Amino acid sequence: MSELPNCPKCQSEYTYQDRDLYVCPECAHEWEIAVPQDLGNAAKVIRDANGNPLEDGDNVTVIKDLKVKGSSAVVKVGTKVKNIRLVEGDHDIDCKVDGIGPMKLKSEFVKKA
């Protein structure tokens, strides 16, 4: 059995792991799992709204109406975006949306198709 750390907030020993977080069921405190220093330089994994990892060339679906900055256009819920490209920055998806053109999206507003 693996040894999980006690909760740093209430010192409860009943913590459990949920994906990349530790969770305390007694006080509901959540904290990140410490990453060893040698693994910290690995490439950043970009995930969609459901936590699925995204890769270049994936197809995604928009999960929320998104206003296009500087225009009156709106990217509607359910719009399918093909062949995305991942980039660095706040808006981490570079793509071309049919009817609107090239734009950048945040990965938190899409799900893998």
Protein backbone atom coordinates (compact mmCIF):
# COMPACT_ATOMS: atom_id res chain seq x y z
CA MET A 1 0.00 0.00 0.00
CA SER A 2 1.37 3.42 -0.96
CA GLU A 3 1.94 6.00 1.73
CA LEU A 4 -0.05 9.19 1.11
CA PRO A 5 0.77 12.42 2.98
CA ASN A 6 -1.42 13.77 5.76
CA CYS A 7 -3.58 16.79 4.97
CA PRO A 8 -1.50 19.97 5.44
CA LYS A 9 -4.58 21.87 6.66
CA CYS A 10 -6.14 19.54 9.28
CA GLN A 11 -3.47 16.76 9.50
CA SER A 12 -6.02 14.06 8.64
CA GLU A 13 -4.52 10.74 7.60
CA TYR A 14 -7.46 9.81 5.35
CA THR A 15 -6.28 11.59 2.20
CA TYR A 16 -6.75 10.12 -1.25
CA GLN A 17 -5.48 10.84 -4.75
CA ASP A 18 -7.77 12.21 -7.48
CA ARG A 19 -5.90 12.52 -10.82
CA ASP A 20 -3.08 14.99 -10.11
CA LEU A 21 -4.39 16.20 -6.73
CA TYR A 22 -4.48 14.94 -3.16
CA VAL A 23 -7.87 15.42 -1.45
CA CYS A 24 -8.82 15.43 2.23
CA PRO A 25 -12.33 14.04 2.80
CA GLU A 26 -12.61 15.64 6.22
CA CYS A 27 -11.93 19.31 5.42
CA ALA A 28 -12.23 19.15 1.58
CA HIS A 29 -8.76 20.63 1.13
CA GLU A 30 -7.09 19.86 -2.23
CA TRP A 31 -3.41 20.24 -3.09
CA GLU A 32 -1.15 19.33 -5.96
CA ILE A 33 1.06 16.27 -5.99
CA ALA A 34 4.70 17.32 -5.74
CA VAL A 35 6.61 16.68 -8.98
CA PRO A 36 10.26 15.65 -8.68
CA GLN A 37 12.65 18.34 -9.94
CA ASP A 38 14.04 16.22 -12.80
CA LEU A 39 10.53 15.66 -14.22
CA GLY A 40 9.58 19.34 -13.95
CA ASN A 41 11.24 20.13 -17.29
CA ALA A 42 8.99 17.77 -19.25
CA ALA A 43 6.69 19.23 -21.91
CA LYS A 44 3.47 20.76 -20.59
CA VAL A 45 0.43 18.58 -21.26
CA ILE A 46 -2.56 20.57 -22.50
CA ARG A 47 -5.92 19.09 -21.52
CA ASP A 48 -9.49 19.74 -22.63
CA ALA A 49 -12.43 20.60 -20.35
CA ASN A 50 -12.87 16.91 -19.44
CA GLY A 51 -9.18 16.35 -18.64
CA ASN A 52 -8.29 14.46 -21.82
CA PRO A 53 -4.82 15.27 -23.19
CA LEU A 54 -4.83 17.14 -26.50
CA GLU A 55 -2.33 16.74 -29.34
CA ASP A 56 -1.59 18.53 -32.61
CA GLY A 57 -4.05 17.47 -35.31
CA ASP A 58 -6.89 16.54 -32.92
CA ASN A 59 -10.50 17.50 -33.61
CA VAL A 60 -12.36 19.31 -30.83
CA THR A 61 -15.88 20.57 -30.11
CA VAL A 62 -16.64 23.94 -28.47
CA ILE A 63 -18.60 23.53 -25.19
CA LYS A 64 -19.62 27.16 -24.62
CA ASP A 65 -20.72 30.10 -26.79
CA LEU A 66 -17.60 32.21 -27.37
CA LYS A 67 -17.69 35.85 -28.47
CA VAL A 68 -15.08 36.71 -31.07
CA LYS A 69 -13.07 39.70 -29.89
CA GLY A 70 -13.33 42.70 -32.23
CA SER A 71 -16.32 41.26 -34.09
CA SER A 72 -20.02 40.62 -33.62
CA ALA A 73 -19.52 36.94 -34.51
CA VAL A 74 -20.06 34.14 -32.00
CA VAL A 75 -18.62 30.62 -32.02
CA LYS A 76 -21.66 28.54 -31.02
CA VAL A 77 -21.79 25.53 -28.70
CA GLY A 78 -21.17 22.32 -30.63
CA THR A 79 -18.98 23.91 -33.32
CA LYS A 80 -16.48 21.32 -34.51
CA VAL A 81 -12.92 22.48 -35.03
CA LYS A 82 -10.64 20.23 -37.06
CA ASN A 83 -6.88 19.85 -37.05
CA ILE A 84 -5.89 22.01 -34.07
CA ARG A 85 -2.35 23.12 -33.33
CA LEU A 86 -1.12 23.53 -29.74
CA VAL A 87 0.85 26.67 -28.89
CA GLU A 88 2.31 28.31 -25.78
CA GLY A 89 0.39 31.03 -23.99
CA ASP A 90 -2.97 31.75 -22.41
CA HIS A 91 -4.90 30.76 -25.54
CA ASP A 92 -3.19 27.42 -26.15
CA ILE A 93 -5.05 26.20 -29.27
CA ASP A 94 -4.43 27.70 -32.70
CA CYS A 95 -7.12 26.72 -35.23
CA LYS A 96 -9.34 27.73 -38.12
CA VAL A 97 -13.09 27.88 -37.41
CA ASP A 98 -15.38 27.44 -40.42
CA GLY A 99 -17.26 30.66 -41.17
CA ILE A 100 -15.06 32.77 -38.89
CA GLY A 101 -11.45 32.08 -39.86
CA PRO A 102 -8.21 31.63 -37.95
CA MET A 103 -8.35 32.17 -34.20
CA LYS A 104 -6.94 31.04 -30.87
CA LEU A 105 -8.98 29.18 -28.25
CA LYS A 106 -8.49 28.25 -24.63
CA SER A 107 -8.42 24.50 -24.02
CA GLU A 108 -10.85 24.86 -21.10
CA PHE A 109 -13.67 25.68 -23.57
CA VAL A 110 -13.30 22.64 -25.83
CA LYS A 111 -13.65 18.89 -25.55
CA LYS A 112 -11.95 16.25 -27.64
CA ALA A 113 -14.16 15.01 -30.47
